[in-house]
Amino acid sequence: MEYNHIVILKNKARLQLRNGTYSDGKAVSEVFNQTHAQTDYLLSYPDENSFDSEQEAQFLQKKTESENAIEILAFWDGKLVGTAGIEPIGNKYKVKHRADFGIAILKEYWNLGIGRALTNACIECARTAGYKQLELEVVAGNEKAICLYESVGFQEYGRNPKGFLSRNSGCYQELILMRLEL
């Protein structure tokens, strides 16, 4: 799936949102490792990254060629600052109407509207792909993300009290399951 738009943020900065391509593999791999080291809200830690730059490049190319999956990259003054994507929950008839959403932004670029821009772009792509439901999991302590998701229409439909086990605190993190009907 392809996507390419310029978004004007609340501080009047221009943000380029476009689908990732094979040539973005190294940059995306580096940003993945940075974002996953900066917060305990994401699924994995940098040392758990199973992709090297070449595998990331192949992953991005596969998503570009897909009709129902995408990885959108956010560029601030030409610098990759975040990624977000959608992918099918599965290809069986009973679940092919559902897509999973994920997002990660470099911490120094939080609270600038990039998360909203990436989220809205993924919602648009999910609709274009024909999905009827977009789903995500968010750590209950990530209040800003929850507010963003609710503001664009996501609704909580369940909780997993021991969804994540944090290396940093040694404690479990509750996950909120959210969905958006498209």
N, C-alpha and C. Protein backbone atom coordinates (compact mmCIF):
# COMPACT_ATOMS: atom_id res chain seq x y z
N MET A 1 0.85 -1.16 0.00
CA MET A 1 0.00 0.00 0.00
C MET A 1 0.90 1.23 0.00
N GLU A 2 0.53 2.21 -0.74
CA GLU A 2 1.32 3.44 -0.82
C GLU A 2 0.57 4.61 -0.20
N TYR A 3 1.34 5.55 0.33
CA TYR A 3 0.77 6.73 0.99
C TYR A 3 1.83 7.82 0.95
N ASN A 4 1.41 9.06 0.68
CA ASN A 4 2.34 10.18 0.68
C ASN A 4 1.55 11.47 0.86
N HIS A 5 1.70 12.09 2.04
CA HIS A 5 0.99 13.33 2.34
C HIS A 5 1.88 14.25 3.17
N ILE A 6 1.65 15.53 3.05
CA ILE A 6 2.27 16.53 3.92
C ILE A 6 1.20 16.98 4.90
N VAL A 7 1.54 17.01 6.18
CA VAL A 7 0.63 17.45 7.23
C VAL A 7 1.26 18.67 7.90
N ILE A 8 0.44 19.70 8.13
CA ILE A 8 0.90 20.88 8.87
C ILE A 8 0.51 20.67 10.33
N LEU A 9 1.51 20.66 11.20
CA LEU A 9 1.27 20.41 12.62
C LEU A 9 0.83 21.67 13.34
N LYS A 10 0.46 21.54 14.60
CA LYS A 10 -0.06 22.66 15.37
C LYS A 10 0.95 23.80 15.54
N ASN A 11 2.24 23.50 15.45
CA ASN A 11 3.27 24.55 15.54
C ASN A 11 3.67 25.06 14.16
N LYS A 12 2.90 24.72 13.13
CA LYS A 12 3.08 25.12 11.73
C LYS A 12 4.21 24.37 11.03
N ALA A 13 4.82 23.40 11.69
CA ALA A 13 5.86 22.59 11.06
C ALA A 13 5.22 21.66 10.03
N ARG A 14 5.99 21.36 9.00
CA ARG A 14 5.53 20.44 7.95
C ARG A 14 6.06 19.04 8.26
N LEU A 15 5.17 18.09 8.23
CA LEU A 15 5.52 16.71 8.47
C LEU A 15 5.19 15.91 7.23
N GLN A 16 6.18 15.19 6.70
CA GLN A 16 5.90 14.32 5.57
C GLN A 16 5.58 12.93 6.08
N LEU A 17 4.46 12.41 5.65
CA LEU A 17 4.06 11.05 5.95
C LEU A 17 4.05 10.27 4.65
N ARG A 18 4.80 9.20 4.63
CA ARG A 18 4.81 8.37 3.42
C ARG A 18 5.08 6.93 3.80
N ASN A 19 4.67 6.03 2.90
CA ASN A 19 4.93 4.62 3.16
C ASN A 19 6.44 4.37 3.11
N GLY A 20 6.88 3.44 3.93
CA GLY A 20 8.27 3.04 3.92
C GLY A 20 8.59 2.24 2.67
N THR A 21 9.82 2.34 2.21
CA THR A 21 10.27 1.60 1.05
C THR A 21 11.54 0.84 1.40
N TYR A 22 11.98 0.02 0.48
CA TYR A 22 13.18 -0.78 0.69
C TYR A 22 14.36 0.08 1.14
N SER A 23 14.52 1.24 0.54
CA SER A 23 15.68 2.10 0.85
C SER A 23 15.63 2.70 2.26
N ASP A 24 14.51 2.59 2.95
CA ASP A 24 14.37 3.12 4.31
C ASP A 24 14.75 2.11 5.38
N GLY A 25 15.16 0.92 5.00
CA GLY A 25 15.39 -0.16 5.96
C GLY A 25 16.34 0.21 7.09
N LYS A 26 17.48 0.80 6.77
CA LYS A 26 18.47 1.12 7.80
C LYS A 26 17.92 2.18 8.77
N ALA A 27 17.32 3.23 8.23
CA ALA A 27 16.79 4.31 9.08
C ALA A 27 15.67 3.80 9.98
N VAL A 28 14.78 2.99 9.44
CA VAL A 28 13.67 2.46 10.24
C VAL A 28 14.20 1.54 11.33
N SER A 29 15.18 0.72 11.00
CA SER A 29 15.77 -0.17 12.00
C SER A 29 16.39 0.64 13.15
N GLU A 30 17.08 1.72 12.82
CA GLU A 30 17.69 2.56 13.85
C GLU A 30 16.63 3.25 14.72
N VAL A 31 15.58 3.78 14.10
CA VAL A 31 14.52 4.45 14.85
C VAL A 31 13.76 3.43 15.71
N PHE A 32 13.55 2.23 15.18
CA PHE A 32 12.91 1.18 15.97
C PHE A 32 13.68 0.96 17.26
N ASN A 33 14.98 0.79 17.15
CA ASN A 33 15.80 0.53 18.34
C ASN A 33 15.80 1.72 19.29
N GLN A 34 15.81 2.94 18.76
CA GLN A 34 15.76 4.12 19.62
C GLN A 34 14.43 4.23 20.36
N THR A 35 13.33 4.12 19.63
CA THR A 35 12.02 4.29 20.26
C THR A 35 11.77 3.20 21.30
N HIS A 36 12.22 2.01 21.02
CA HIS A 36 11.97 0.91 21.96
C HIS A 36 12.88 0.96 23.18
N ALA A 37 13.92 1.78 23.12
CA ALA A 37 14.78 2.00 24.29
C ALA A 37 14.28 3.17 25.13
N GLN A 38 13.47 4.04 24.55
CA GLN A 38 13.07 5.29 25.21
C GLN A 38 11.83 5.18 26.07
N THR A 39 11.08 4.11 25.94
CA THR A 39 9.84 3.99 26.69
C THR A 39 9.56 2.54 27.03
N ASP A 40 8.83 2.33 28.08
CA ASP A 40 8.42 0.99 28.49
C ASP A 40 7.01 0.68 27.99
N TYR A 41 6.47 1.52 27.10
CA TYR A 41 5.11 1.35 26.60
C TYR A 41 5.03 0.49 25.35
N LEU A 42 6.15 0.16 24.72
CA LEU A 42 6.13 -0.60 23.47
C LEU A 42 6.32 -2.09 23.74
N LEU A 43 6.00 -2.91 22.75
CA LEU A 43 5.95 -4.36 22.89
C LEU A 43 7.28 -5.01 23.23
N SER A 44 8.39 -4.44 22.76
CA SER A 44 9.66 -5.13 22.92
C SER A 44 10.77 -4.16 23.32
N TYR A 45 11.92 -4.75 23.61
CA TYR A 45 13.13 -3.98 23.92
C TYR A 45 14.07 -4.08 22.72
N PRO A 46 14.99 -3.12 22.56
CA PRO A 46 15.87 -3.12 21.38
C PRO A 46 16.61 -4.44 21.15
N ASP A 47 17.06 -5.09 22.21
CA ASP A 47 17.79 -6.34 22.04
C ASP A 47 16.89 -7.49 21.57
N GLU A 48 15.59 -7.27 21.56
CA GLU A 48 14.65 -8.28 21.07
C GLU A 48 14.27 -8.05 19.61
N ASN A 49 14.83 -7.02 19.00
CA ASN A 49 14.55 -6.74 17.59
C ASN A 49 15.11 -7.88 16.75
N SER A 50 14.25 -8.55 16.04
CA SER A 50 14.67 -9.71 15.25
C SER A 50 15.06 -9.35 13.83
N PHE A 51 14.94 -8.06 13.45
CA PHE A 51 15.27 -7.63 12.10
C PHE A 51 16.58 -6.88 12.07
N ASP A 52 17.42 -7.20 11.11
CA ASP A 52 18.55 -6.33 10.80
C ASP A 52 18.08 -5.36 9.71
N SER A 53 18.96 -4.48 9.27
CA SER A 53 18.56 -3.46 8.29
C SER A 53 18.03 -4.07 6.99
N GLU A 54 18.65 -5.14 6.53
CA GLU A 54 18.21 -5.78 5.29
C GLU A 54 16.83 -6.41 5.47
N GLN A 55 16.60 -7.06 6.57
CA GLN A 55 15.29 -7.66 6.82
C GLN A 55 14.22 -6.58 6.97
N GLU A 56 14.58 -5.47 7.59
CA GLU A 56 13.64 -4.34 7.71
C GLU A 56 13.29 -3.80 6.32
N ALA A 57 14.30 -3.68 5.47
CA ALA A 57 14.08 -3.21 4.10
C ALA A 57 13.12 -4.13 3.36
N GLN A 58 13.31 -5.42 3.50
CA GLN A 58 12.41 -6.38 2.85
C GLN A 58 11.00 -6.30 3.42
N PHE A 59 10.89 -6.12 4.73
CA PHE A 59 9.59 -5.96 5.39
C PHE A 59 8.87 -4.74 4.83
N LEU A 60 9.58 -3.61 4.70
CA LEU A 60 8.98 -2.39 4.18
C LEU A 60 8.54 -2.57 2.72
N GLN A 61 9.36 -3.24 1.93
CA GLN A 61 9.01 -3.48 0.53
C GLN A 61 7.76 -4.34 0.43
N LYS A 62 7.67 -5.35 1.28
CA LYS A 62 6.50 -6.23 1.28
C LYS A 62 5.24 -5.44 1.63
N LYS A 63 5.35 -4.55 2.60
CA LYS A 63 4.18 -3.74 2.97
C LYS A 63 3.80 -2.77 1.85
N THR A 64 4.79 -2.22 1.15
CA THR A 64 4.50 -1.33 0.03
C THR A 64 3.74 -2.06 -1.06
N GLU A 65 4.07 -3.31 -1.26
CA GLU A 65 3.42 -4.12 -2.31
C GLU A 65 2.07 -4.70 -1.85
N SER A 66 1.76 -4.59 -0.57
CA SER A 66 0.54 -5.15 -0.02
C SER A 66 -0.68 -4.27 -0.35
N GLU A 67 -1.82 -4.90 -0.44
CA GLU A 67 -3.08 -4.17 -0.62
C GLU A 67 -3.76 -3.86 0.70
N ASN A 68 -3.30 -4.49 1.80
CA ASN A 68 -4.00 -4.31 3.06
C ASN A 68 -3.08 -4.12 4.27
N ALA A 69 -1.83 -3.77 4.03
CA ALA A 69 -0.88 -3.48 5.12
C ALA A 69 0.01 -2.33 4.69
N ILE A 70 0.47 -1.56 5.68
CA ILE A 70 1.34 -0.42 5.37
C ILE A 70 2.17 -0.07 6.60
N GLU A 71 3.35 0.48 6.35
CA GLU A 71 4.16 1.08 7.40
C GLU A 71 4.38 2.52 6.94
N ILE A 72 3.86 3.47 7.71
CA ILE A 72 3.96 4.89 7.37
C ILE A 72 5.08 5.51 8.18
N LEU A 73 5.94 6.25 7.51
CA LEU A 73 7.07 6.91 8.14
C LEU A 73 6.79 8.40 8.25
N ALA A 74 7.19 8.99 9.38
CA ALA A 74 7.00 10.43 9.61
C ALA A 74 8.38 11.11 9.56
N PHE A 75 8.50 12.11 8.67
CA PHE A 75 9.75 12.84 8.49
C PHE A 75 9.57 14.29 8.90
N TRP A 76 10.40 14.74 9.81
CA TRP A 76 10.44 16.13 10.29
C TRP A 76 11.73 16.73 9.75
N ASP A 77 11.63 17.71 8.87
CA ASP A 77 12.82 18.30 8.24
C ASP A 77 13.75 17.23 7.68
N GLY A 78 13.17 16.23 7.05
CA GLY A 78 13.94 15.17 6.41
C GLY A 78 14.43 14.09 7.35
N LYS A 79 14.19 14.23 8.65
CA LYS A 79 14.63 13.23 9.64
C LYS A 79 13.48 12.31 9.99
N LEU A 80 13.73 11.01 9.95
CA LEU A 80 12.72 10.03 10.37
C LEU A 80 12.53 10.13 11.87
N VAL A 81 11.30 10.43 12.31
CA VAL A 81 11.03 10.63 13.73
C VAL A 81 9.98 9.68 14.29
N GLY A 82 9.33 8.91 13.43
CA GLY A 82 8.32 7.99 13.92
C GLY A 82 7.79 7.10 12.82
N THR A 83 7.16 6.03 13.25
CA THR A 83 6.55 5.09 12.32
C THR A 83 5.22 4.62 12.89
N ALA A 84 4.35 4.21 12.01
CA ALA A 84 3.07 3.61 12.42
C ALA A 84 2.63 2.70 11.30
N GLY A 85 1.85 1.70 11.66
CA GLY A 85 1.43 0.78 10.61
C GLY A 85 0.17 0.03 10.96
N ILE A 86 -0.37 -0.58 9.93
CA ILE A 86 -1.50 -1.48 10.07
C ILE A 86 -1.15 -2.78 9.38
N GLU A 87 -1.68 -3.86 9.92
CA GLU A 87 -1.54 -5.15 9.26
C GLU A 87 -2.74 -6.01 9.63
N PRO A 88 -3.07 -6.95 8.78
CA PRO A 88 -4.25 -7.77 9.05
C PRO A 88 -4.07 -8.63 10.30
N ILE A 89 -5.15 -8.82 11.04
CA ILE A 89 -5.14 -9.76 12.16
C ILE A 89 -4.94 -11.17 11.61
N GLY A 90 -5.53 -11.44 10.46
CA GLY A 90 -5.39 -12.74 9.80
C GLY A 90 -6.08 -12.70 8.45
N ASN A 91 -5.92 -13.78 7.69
CA ASN A 91 -6.54 -13.81 6.36
C ASN A 91 -7.72 -14.77 6.26
N LYS A 92 -8.08 -15.38 7.38
CA LYS A 92 -9.25 -16.24 7.40
C LYS A 92 -10.52 -15.37 7.34
N TYR A 93 -11.58 -15.92 6.77
CA TYR A 93 -12.81 -15.18 6.57
C TYR A 93 -13.30 -14.49 7.84
N LYS A 94 -13.26 -15.20 8.98
CA LYS A 94 -13.82 -14.67 10.22
C LYS A 94 -13.07 -13.48 10.78
N VAL A 95 -11.84 -13.27 10.39
CA VAL A 95 -11.05 -12.17 10.96
C VAL A 95 -10.49 -11.20 9.92
N LYS A 96 -10.75 -11.44 8.65
CA LYS A 96 -10.12 -10.59 7.63
C LYS A 96 -10.66 -9.15 7.60
N HIS A 97 -11.69 -8.87 8.37
CA HIS A 97 -12.23 -7.51 8.48
C HIS A 97 -11.49 -6.68 9.52
N ARG A 98 -10.53 -7.30 10.23
CA ARG A 98 -9.85 -6.64 11.35
C ARG A 98 -8.38 -6.38 11.03
N ALA A 99 -7.89 -5.22 11.49
CA ALA A 99 -6.47 -4.87 11.34
C ALA A 99 -5.91 -4.44 12.69
N ASP A 100 -4.61 -4.65 12.85
CA ASP A 100 -3.89 -4.25 14.05
C ASP A 100 -3.12 -2.97 13.75
N PHE A 101 -3.10 -2.06 14.73
CA PHE A 101 -2.43 -0.77 14.59
C PHE A 101 -1.30 -0.66 15.61
N GLY A 102 -0.16 -0.15 15.17
CA GLY A 102 0.96 0.09 16.07
C GLY A 102 1.67 1.38 15.70
N ILE A 103 2.29 2.04 16.68
CA ILE A 103 2.92 3.34 16.47
C ILE A 103 4.09 3.52 17.42
N ALA A 104 5.12 4.22 16.96
CA ALA A 104 6.27 4.56 17.81
C ALA A 104 6.87 5.86 17.30
N ILE A 105 7.16 6.78 18.23
CA ILE A 105 7.71 8.09 17.89
C ILE A 105 8.89 8.37 18.81
N LEU A 106 9.95 8.93 18.24
CA LEU A 106 11.10 9.32 19.06
C LEU A 106 10.63 10.27 20.16
N LYS A 107 11.10 10.06 21.38
CA LYS A 107 10.60 10.78 22.55
C LYS A 107 10.74 12.30 22.41
N GLU A 108 11.80 12.78 21.81
CA GLU A 108 11.99 14.23 21.68
C GLU A 108 10.94 14.87 20.76
N TYR A 109 10.16 14.04 20.05
CA TYR A 109 9.13 14.55 19.14
C TYR A 109 7.71 14.26 19.65
N TRP A 110 7.60 13.83 20.90
CA TRP A 110 6.28 13.62 21.49
C TRP A 110 5.58 14.97 21.69
N ASN A 111 4.27 14.95 21.72
CA ASN A 111 3.42 16.12 22.02
C ASN A 111 3.48 17.23 20.98
N LEU A 112 3.79 16.87 19.74
CA LEU A 112 3.83 17.85 18.65
C LEU A 112 2.74 17.62 17.61
N GLY A 113 1.94 16.57 17.81
CA GLY A 113 0.88 16.25 16.85
C GLY A 113 1.26 15.15 15.88
N ILE A 114 2.46 14.62 16.00
CA ILE A 114 2.91 13.57 15.08
C ILE A 114 2.11 12.29 15.30
N GLY A 115 1.84 11.95 16.55
CA GLY A 115 1.04 10.76 16.85
C GLY A 115 -0.34 10.84 16.24
N ARG A 116 -0.98 11.99 16.35
CA ARG A 116 -2.31 12.18 15.76
C ARG A 116 -2.24 12.06 14.24
N ALA A 117 -1.22 12.67 13.64
CA ALA A 117 -1.09 12.61 12.18
C ALA A 117 -0.88 11.17 11.70
N LEU A 118 0.00 10.44 12.37
CA LEU A 118 0.23 9.04 11.99
C LEU A 118 -1.01 8.18 12.23
N THR A 119 -1.68 8.40 13.34
CA THR A 119 -2.89 7.63 13.65
C THR A 119 -3.96 7.88 12.60
N ASN A 120 -4.20 9.13 12.27
CA ASN A 120 -5.21 9.45 11.26
C ASN A 120 -4.84 8.87 9.89
N ALA A 121 -3.56 8.89 9.55
CA ALA A 121 -3.12 8.31 8.28
C ALA A 121 -3.39 6.81 8.26
N CYS A 122 -3.12 6.14 9.36
CA CYS A 122 -3.37 4.70 9.42
C CYS A 122 -4.86 4.38 9.37
N ILE A 123 -5.67 5.21 10.00
CA ILE A 123 -7.12 5.02 9.93
C ILE A 123 -7.58 5.16 8.47
N GLU A 124 -7.08 6.18 7.80
CA GLU A 124 -7.42 6.38 6.38
C GLU A 124 -7.02 5.16 5.55
N CYS A 125 -5.82 4.66 5.77
CA CYS A 125 -5.35 3.49 5.01
C CYS A 125 -6.16 2.25 5.34
N ALA A 126 -6.56 2.09 6.60
CA ALA A 126 -7.38 0.94 6.99
C ALA A 126 -8.72 0.99 6.27
N ARG A 127 -9.31 2.16 6.18
CA ARG A 127 -10.58 2.30 5.45
C ARG A 127 -10.38 1.98 3.97
N THR A 128 -9.32 2.52 3.39
CA THR A 128 -9.02 2.27 1.97
C THR A 128 -8.85 0.78 1.71
N ALA A 129 -8.22 0.08 2.65
CA ALA A 129 -7.99 -1.36 2.49
C ALA A 129 -9.26 -2.18 2.71
N GLY A 130 -10.33 -1.54 3.17
CA GLY A 130 -11.61 -2.23 3.35
C GLY A 130 -11.83 -2.85 4.71
N TYR A 131 -10.98 -2.54 5.67
CA TYR A 131 -11.17 -3.07 7.02
C TYR A 131 -12.42 -2.46 7.64
N LYS A 132 -13.04 -3.20 8.54
CA LYS A 132 -14.21 -2.73 9.27
C LYS A 132 -13.87 -2.41 10.72
N GLN A 133 -12.69 -2.86 11.18
CA GLN A 133 -12.30 -2.63 12.57
C GLN A 133 -10.79 -2.53 12.68
N LEU A 134 -10.34 -1.51 13.40
CA LEU A 134 -8.92 -1.31 13.69
C LEU A 134 -8.73 -1.51 15.18
N GLU A 135 -7.69 -2.26 15.56
CA GLU A 135 -7.49 -2.64 16.95
C GLU A 135 -6.09 -2.26 17.43
N LEU A 136 -5.97 -2.04 18.73
CA LEU A 136 -4.67 -1.76 19.33
C LEU A 136 -4.69 -2.18 20.79
N GLU A 137 -3.50 -2.29 21.35
CA GLU A 137 -3.32 -2.51 22.79
C GLU A 137 -2.44 -1.36 23.28
N VAL A 138 -2.79 -0.78 24.43
CA VAL A 138 -2.04 0.33 24.98
C VAL A 138 -1.85 0.10 26.48
N VAL A 139 -0.66 0.42 26.98
CA VAL A 139 -0.39 0.29 28.41
C VAL A 139 -1.28 1.28 29.15
N ALA A 140 -1.95 0.82 30.19
CA ALA A 140 -2.91 1.64 30.93
C ALA A 140 -2.28 2.92 31.47
N GLY A 141 -1.01 2.91 31.77
CA GLY A 141 -0.33 4.11 32.28
C GLY A 141 0.00 5.13 31.21
N ASN A 142 -0.20 4.81 29.95
CA ASN A 142 0.13 5.71 28.85
C ASN A 142 -1.09 6.61 28.57
N GLU A 143 -1.35 7.52 29.50
CA GLU A 143 -2.57 8.33 29.46
C GLU A 143 -2.67 9.21 28.22
N LYS A 144 -1.56 9.78 27.77
CA LYS A 144 -1.62 10.65 26.58
C LYS A 144 -2.02 9.87 25.34
N ALA A 145 -1.48 8.66 25.19
CA ALA A 145 -1.86 7.84 24.04
C ALA A 145 -3.33 7.46 24.12
N ILE A 146 -3.79 7.09 25.30
CA ILE A 146 -5.20 6.71 25.47
C ILE A 146 -6.11 7.89 25.10
N CYS A 147 -5.76 9.09 25.53
CA CYS A 147 -6.56 10.28 25.18
C CYS A 147 -6.59 10.49 23.66
N LEU A 148 -5.43 10.31 23.02
CA LEU A 148 -5.39 10.45 21.56
C LEU A 148 -6.31 9.42 20.91
N TYR A 149 -6.16 8.17 21.31
CA TYR A 149 -6.96 7.12 20.68
C TYR A 149 -8.46 7.35 20.88
N GLU A 150 -8.84 7.74 22.09
CA GLU A 150 -10.25 8.03 22.34
C GLU A 150 -10.73 9.21 21.51
N SER A 151 -9.89 10.21 21.32
CA SER A 151 -10.29 11.42 20.58
C SER A 151 -10.55 11.14 19.10
N VAL A 152 -9.98 10.06 18.56
CA VAL A 152 -10.24 9.71 17.16
C VAL A 152 -11.26 8.59 17.04
N GLY A 153 -11.83 8.17 18.18
CA GLY A 153 -12.94 7.23 18.13
C GLY A 153 -12.69 5.83 18.64
N PHE A 154 -11.47 5.50 19.05
CA PHE A 154 -11.23 4.18 19.62
C PHE A 154 -11.99 4.04 20.94
N GLN A 155 -12.48 2.84 21.21
CA GLN A 155 -13.18 2.55 22.46
C GLN A 155 -12.57 1.32 23.11
N GLU A 156 -12.50 1.39 24.43
CA GLU A 156 -12.00 0.25 25.19
C GLU A 156 -13.00 -0.90 25.10
N TYR A 157 -12.47 -2.12 24.93
CA TYR A 157 -13.36 -3.28 24.96
C TYR A 157 -12.85 -4.37 25.89
N GLY A 158 -11.76 -4.12 26.58
CA GLY A 158 -11.27 -5.10 27.54
C GLY A 158 -9.93 -4.70 28.12
N ARG A 159 -9.50 -5.47 29.11
CA ARG A 159 -8.21 -5.22 29.75
C ARG A 159 -7.51 -6.55 30.03
N ASN A 160 -6.21 -6.48 29.99
CA ASN A 160 -5.37 -7.61 30.36
C ASN A 160 -4.47 -7.13 31.50
N PRO A 161 -4.78 -7.49 32.74
CA PRO A 161 -4.07 -6.94 33.89
C PRO A 161 -2.59 -7.29 33.94
N LYS A 162 -2.19 -8.37 33.30
CA LYS A 162 -0.78 -8.75 33.27
C LYS A 162 -0.32 -8.87 31.81
N GLY A 163 -0.65 -7.86 31.02
CA GLY A 163 -0.35 -7.88 29.59
C GLY A 163 1.13 -7.80 29.28
N PHE A 164 1.86 -6.96 29.98
CA PHE A 164 3.31 -6.80 29.82
C PHE A 164 3.97 -7.04 31.16
N LEU A 165 5.19 -7.55 31.11
CA LEU A 165 6.04 -7.63 32.29
C LEU A 165 7.25 -6.74 32.00
N SER A 166 7.36 -5.66 32.74
CA SER A 166 8.42 -4.67 32.51
C SER A 166 9.75 -5.13 33.06
N ARG A 167 10.78 -5.06 32.23
CA ARG A 167 12.14 -5.31 32.71
C ARG A 167 12.58 -4.20 33.66
N ASN A 168 12.15 -2.99 33.36
CA ASN A 168 12.62 -1.82 34.12
C ASN A 168 12.12 -1.81 35.55
N SER A 169 10.84 -2.14 35.73
CA SER A 169 10.27 -2.10 37.08
C SER A 169 10.11 -3.49 37.70
N GLY A 170 10.12 -4.51 36.85
CA GLY A 170 9.86 -5.86 37.33
C GLY A 170 8.39 -6.11 37.61
N CYS A 171 7.56 -5.13 37.29
CA CYS A 171 6.12 -5.21 37.56
C CYS A 171 5.35 -5.47 36.27
N TYR A 172 4.15 -6.00 36.45
CA TYR A 172 3.26 -6.18 35.31
C TYR A 172 2.64 -4.84 34.93
N GLN A 173 2.35 -4.70 33.64
CA GLN A 173 1.66 -3.52 33.13
C GLN A 173 0.32 -3.98 32.56
N GLU A 174 -0.73 -3.29 32.94
CA GLU A 174 -2.06 -3.60 32.42
C GLU A 174 -2.17 -3.06 31.00
N LEU A 175 -2.71 -3.87 30.11
CA LEU A 175 -2.97 -3.44 28.74
C LEU A 175 -4.46 -3.18 28.56
N ILE A 176 -4.77 -2.08 27.90
CA ILE A 176 -6.14 -1.76 27.53
C ILE A 176 -6.30 -2.15 26.06
N LEU A 177 -7.32 -2.94 25.78
CA LEU A 177 -7.64 -3.34 24.41
C LEU A 177 -8.64 -2.32 23.87
N MET A 178 -8.31 -1.77 22.69
CA MET A 178 -9.17 -0.74 22.11
C MET A 178 -9.48 -1.09 20.67
N ARG A 179 -10.64 -0.63 20.20
CA ARG A 179 -11.05 -0.88 18.83
C ARG A 179 -11.75 0.34 18.26
N LEU A 180 -11.64 0.48 16.96
CA LEU A 180 -12.31 1.55 16.23
C LEU A 180 -13.09 0.92 15.09
N GLU A 181 -14.41 1.14 15.10
CA GLU A 181 -15.22 0.67 13.97
C GLU A 181 -15.04 1.66 12.83
N LEU A 182 -14.74 1.14 11.66
CA LEU A 182 -14.48 1.99 10.49
C LEU A 182 -15.70 2.11 9.61
